[in-house]
């Protein structure tokens, strides 16, 4: 579907006469909108769930929110300008969902994995007035794509998790990036699990418990 700035899949809320809480999903680099959408069957029925697809096609393998390349020294370099563009388009998705699908603008959760996690962290910290909860699997907080809002951050809540065996986006980078949240006195929960770059059943169960309490 294309009513939003990105192609997306949607699972509508069971609520009919009242605005529903909204959950927007952002996949990882090289994946697509189907990946995280598989979680929707186990998530609360009152959620309107929208899984969006990055608009960069990676050699027909999958999609991304912004390009990542390797320089001659083996360092990762990425398109900051495109990352910021994607950040702002996700923020626009929130408003359009409110208009089109009657979602509650005061009860918005963003869920991301890997590059999608980096993206949703940036959306929430740049537009805290639009977001209530953030679920960040296997990502980091990247100050380079955040325009830290002058508006209050105190209403934001983060659930952050990472695999201790992650070799794609190393665990230590996630731990280090928590300093940004601590410095800004943000409300967050951090959990680690003995897995690689992925979400274990235990991780999902813990996240679901956290989210269910936040939606009340």
Protein backbone atom coordinates (compact mmCIF):
# COMPACT_ATOMS: atom_id res chain seq x y z
CA UNK A 1 0.00 0.00 0.00
CA UNK A 2 1.15 3.57 -0.61
CA UNK A 3 -1.01 5.99 1.38
CA UNK A 4 2.05 6.64 3.54
CA UNK A 5 5.51 7.93 2.51
CA UNK A 6 6.71 4.30 2.42
CA UNK A 7 5.24 1.06 1.08
CA UNK A 8 3.74 -0.79 4.04
CA UNK A 9 1.72 -3.66 5.46
CA UNK A 10 -0.99 -3.07 8.02
CA UNK A 11 -2.83 -5.06 10.65
CA UNK A 12 -5.79 -3.02 11.83
CA UNK A 13 -6.83 -2.72 15.45
CA UNK A 14 -9.76 -4.63 16.92
CA UNK A 15 -10.96 -1.28 18.29
CA UNK A 16 -13.67 0.29 16.17
CA UNK A 17 -15.17 3.37 17.78
CA UNK A 18 -12.12 4.81 19.52
CA UNK A 19 -8.62 5.75 18.32
CA UNK A 20 -6.24 2.81 18.60
CA UNK A 21 -2.64 2.74 19.80
CA UNK A 22 -0.22 2.70 16.87
CA UNK A 23 2.90 0.61 16.39
CA UNK A 24 5.19 1.33 13.43
CA UNK A 25 7.85 -1.24 12.50
CA UNK A 26 11.14 -0.46 10.74
CA UNK A 27 13.16 -3.43 9.43
CA UNK A 28 16.92 -3.86 9.27
CA UNK A 29 19.35 -3.26 6.40
CA UNK A 30 18.72 -5.66 3.52
CA UNK A 31 15.36 -6.86 4.79
CA UNK A 32 11.79 -5.79 4.06
CA UNK A 33 8.39 -5.04 5.57
CA UNK A 34 7.49 -8.73 5.96
CA UNK A 35 10.28 -9.45 8.44
CA UNK A 36 9.07 -7.73 11.61
CA UNK A 37 5.43 -7.98 10.54
CA UNK A 38 5.61 -11.66 11.48
CA UNK A 39 5.59 -10.46 15.10
CA UNK A 40 2.12 -8.96 14.67
CA UNK A 41 0.30 -12.22 15.39
CA UNK A 42 1.66 -12.21 18.94
CA UNK A 43 1.13 -8.50 19.66
CA UNK A 44 -1.95 -7.02 21.38
CA UNK A 45 -5.02 -6.92 19.13
CA UNK A 46 -5.83 -3.34 20.07
CA UNK A 47 -2.74 -2.13 18.22
CA UNK A 48 -2.86 -0.81 14.69
CA UNK A 49 0.40 -2.25 13.34
CA UNK A 50 2.09 -0.68 10.33
CA UNK A 51 5.27 -2.27 8.96
CA UNK A 52 7.07 0.08 6.57
CA UNK A 53 9.65 -0.67 3.87
CA UNK A 54 12.81 1.35 3.33
CA UNK A 55 12.87 3.02 -0.07
CA UNK A 56 16.41 2.04 -1.06
CA UNK A 57 16.55 -1.20 -3.06
CA UNK A 58 19.78 -3.09 -2.38
CA UNK A 59 20.58 -5.04 -5.55
CA UNK A 60 17.25 -6.87 -5.37
CA UNK A 61 18.27 -8.49 -2.07
CA UNK A 62 16.20 -6.28 0.19
CA UNK A 63 15.71 -2.70 1.26
CA UNK A 64 17.34 -0.09 3.47
CA UNK A 65 16.62 3.29 5.01
CA UNK A 66 20.00 4.65 3.91
CA UNK A 67 23.10 3.35 2.16
CA UNK A 68 26.03 1.83 4.05
CA UNK A 69 29.40 1.36 2.33
CA UNK A 70 32.91 0.29 3.31
CA UNK A 71 35.89 2.58 2.68
CA UNK A 72 39.45 1.50 1.78
CA UNK A 73 40.33 1.18 5.46
CA UNK A 74 37.43 -1.14 6.17
CA UNK A 75 35.39 1.51 7.98
CA UNK A 76 31.64 1.76 7.52
CA UNK A 77 30.43 5.00 5.98
CA UNK A 78 26.80 5.92 5.50
CA UNK A 79 24.58 8.51 3.88
CA UNK A 80 23.67 10.82 6.76
CA UNK A 81 21.51 13.05 4.58
CA UNK A 82 19.38 10.10 3.46
CA UNK A 83 19.17 8.79 7.02
CA UNK A 84 17.77 12.13 8.15
CA UNK A 85 15.33 12.15 5.23
CA UNK A 86 14.09 8.68 6.26
CA UNK A 87 13.84 9.83 9.88
CA UNK A 88 11.58 12.71 8.90
CA UNK A 89 9.44 10.53 6.64
CA UNK A 90 8.82 8.09 9.50
CA UNK A 91 7.67 11.04 11.62
CA UNK A 92 5.30 11.95 8.78
CA UNK A 93 3.97 8.38 8.79
CA UNK A 94 2.82 8.86 12.37
CA UNK A 95 0.68 11.86 11.46
CA UNK A 96 -0.75 10.21 8.36
CA UNK A 97 -1.73 7.09 10.31
CA UNK A 98 -3.67 9.30 12.71
CA UNK A 99 -5.53 10.86 9.79
CA UNK A 100 -6.14 7.71 7.75
CA UNK A 101 -6.52 4.93 10.33
CA UNK A 102 -7.83 6.81 13.38
CA UNK A 103 -4.84 6.01 15.57
CA UNK A 104 -4.18 7.69 18.90
CA UNK A 105 -1.55 10.39 18.43
CA UNK A 106 -0.73 10.15 22.14
CA UNK A 107 -0.08 6.41 22.11
CA UNK A 108 2.55 5.72 19.46
CA UNK A 109 5.19 3.00 19.67
CA UNK A 110 8.09 2.65 17.24
CA UNK A 111 9.78 -0.75 16.85
CA UNK A 112 12.99 -1.24 14.91
CA UNK A 113 15.65 -3.85 14.28
CA UNK A 114 19.30 -3.03 13.49
CA UNK A 115 19.31 -0.12 11.02
CA UNK A 116 15.59 0.27 11.69
CA UNK A 117 16.39 0.47 15.39
CA UNK A 118 18.89 3.27 14.78
CA UNK A 119 16.22 5.04 12.76
CA UNK A 120 13.39 4.81 15.30
CA UNK A 121 15.70 5.99 18.07
CA UNK A 122 16.43 9.07 15.96
CA UNK A 123 12.75 9.69 15.23
CA UNK A 124 11.80 9.57 18.90
CA UNK A 125 14.63 11.82 20.07
CA UNK A 126 14.01 14.36 17.30
CA UNK A 127 10.21 14.29 17.56
CA UNK A 128 9.44 13.28 21.18
CA UNK A 129 6.03 14.93 21.01
CA UNK A 130 4.98 12.28 18.45
CA UNK A 131 6.24 9.15 20.22
CA UNK A 132 5.50 7.44 23.52
CA UNK A 133 7.43 4.15 23.37
CA UNK A 134 10.47 2.88 21.48
CA UNK A 135 11.48 -0.76 21.05
CA UNK A 136 15.03 -0.97 19.72
CA UNK A 137 16.37 -4.44 18.88
CA UNK A 138 20.08 -4.79 18.04
CA UNK A 139 20.78 -1.15 17.29
CA UNK A 140 22.50 1.93 18.66
CA UNK A 141 21.76 5.58 19.32
CA UNK A 142 23.43 7.62 16.58
CA UNK A 143 23.78 11.34 17.48
CA UNK A 144 24.71 12.14 13.86
CA UNK A 145 21.12 11.67 12.71
CA UNK A 146 19.42 13.13 15.77
CA UNK A 147 18.33 16.74 16.10
CA UNK A 148 17.77 16.57 19.83
CA UNK A 149 14.46 18.25 20.50
CA UNK A 150 14.12 21.19 22.84
CA UNK A 151 10.75 19.70 23.79
CA UNK A 152 10.45 17.49 26.82
CA UNK A 153 11.90 13.99 26.54
CA UNK A 154 10.52 12.83 29.88
CA UNK A 155 7.47 11.10 28.38
CA UNK A 156 9.58 8.79 26.21
CA UNK A 157 10.18 5.18 27.24
CA UNK A 158 12.73 2.90 25.58
CA UNK A 159 13.07 -0.88 25.56
CA UNK A 160 16.54 -1.66 24.22
CA UNK A 161 18.01 -5.13 23.74
CA UNK A 162 21.10 -6.60 22.12
CA UNK A 163 22.72 -9.97 21.60
CA UNK A 164 26.02 -10.42 23.43
CA UNK A 165 27.28 -12.52 20.49
CA UNK A 166 26.33 -10.00 17.81
CA UNK A 167 29.09 -9.69 15.20
CA UNK A 168 27.13 -7.49 12.77
CA UNK A 169 26.55 -4.61 15.15
CA UNK A 170 28.74 -5.42 18.16
CA UNK A 171 27.23 -5.53 21.62
CA UNK A 172 29.76 -3.06 23.02
CA UNK A 173 28.56 -0.36 20.62
CA UNK A 174 25.04 -0.68 21.94
CA UNK A 175 26.26 -0.46 25.53
CA UNK A 176 28.36 2.60 24.73
CA UNK A 177 25.47 4.39 23.07
CA UNK A 178 23.40 4.08 26.24
CA UNK A 179 25.52 6.91 27.61
CA UNK A 180 23.58 9.27 25.35
CA UNK A 181 20.31 8.22 26.98
CA UNK A 182 21.79 8.43 30.45
CA UNK A 183 23.22 11.89 29.78
CA UNK A 184 19.77 13.14 28.77
CA UNK A 185 18.02 11.43 31.72
CA UNK A 186 15.87 9.26 29.50
CA UNK A 187 13.69 6.44 30.74
CA UNK A 188 14.97 3.14 29.34
CA UNK A 189 15.29 -0.56 30.01
CA UNK A 190 18.29 -2.42 28.59
CA UNK A 191 18.50 -6.19 28.33
CA UNK A 192 21.02 -8.50 26.73
CA UNK A 193 20.66 -12.06 25.52
CA UNK A 194 23.23 -14.75 24.56
CA UNK A 195 22.46 -14.59 20.84
CA UNK A 196 23.89 -13.04 17.68
CA UNK A 197 22.24 -10.44 15.45
CA UNK A 198 18.63 -11.36 16.05
CA UNK A 199 15.70 -11.54 18.46
CA UNK A 200 15.43 -14.67 20.59
CA UNK A 201 12.09 -16.00 21.90
CA UNK A 202 13.12 -14.90 25.40
CA UNK A 203 13.90 -11.43 24.09
CA UNK A 204 10.52 -11.16 22.38
CA UNK A 205 8.68 -12.40 25.46
CA UNK A 206 10.41 -9.82 27.66
CA UNK A 207 9.68 -7.02 25.19
CA UNK A 208 6.03 -8.04 24.97
CA UNK A 209 5.67 -7.90 28.74
CA UNK A 210 7.19 -4.42 28.76
CA UNK A 211 5.00 -3.18 25.90
CA UNK A 212 1.78 -4.58 27.34
CA UNK A 213 2.33 -2.59 30.52
CA UNK A 214 3.11 0.57 28.56
CA UNK A 215 -0.09 0.32 26.50
CA UNK A 216 -2.37 0.28 29.55
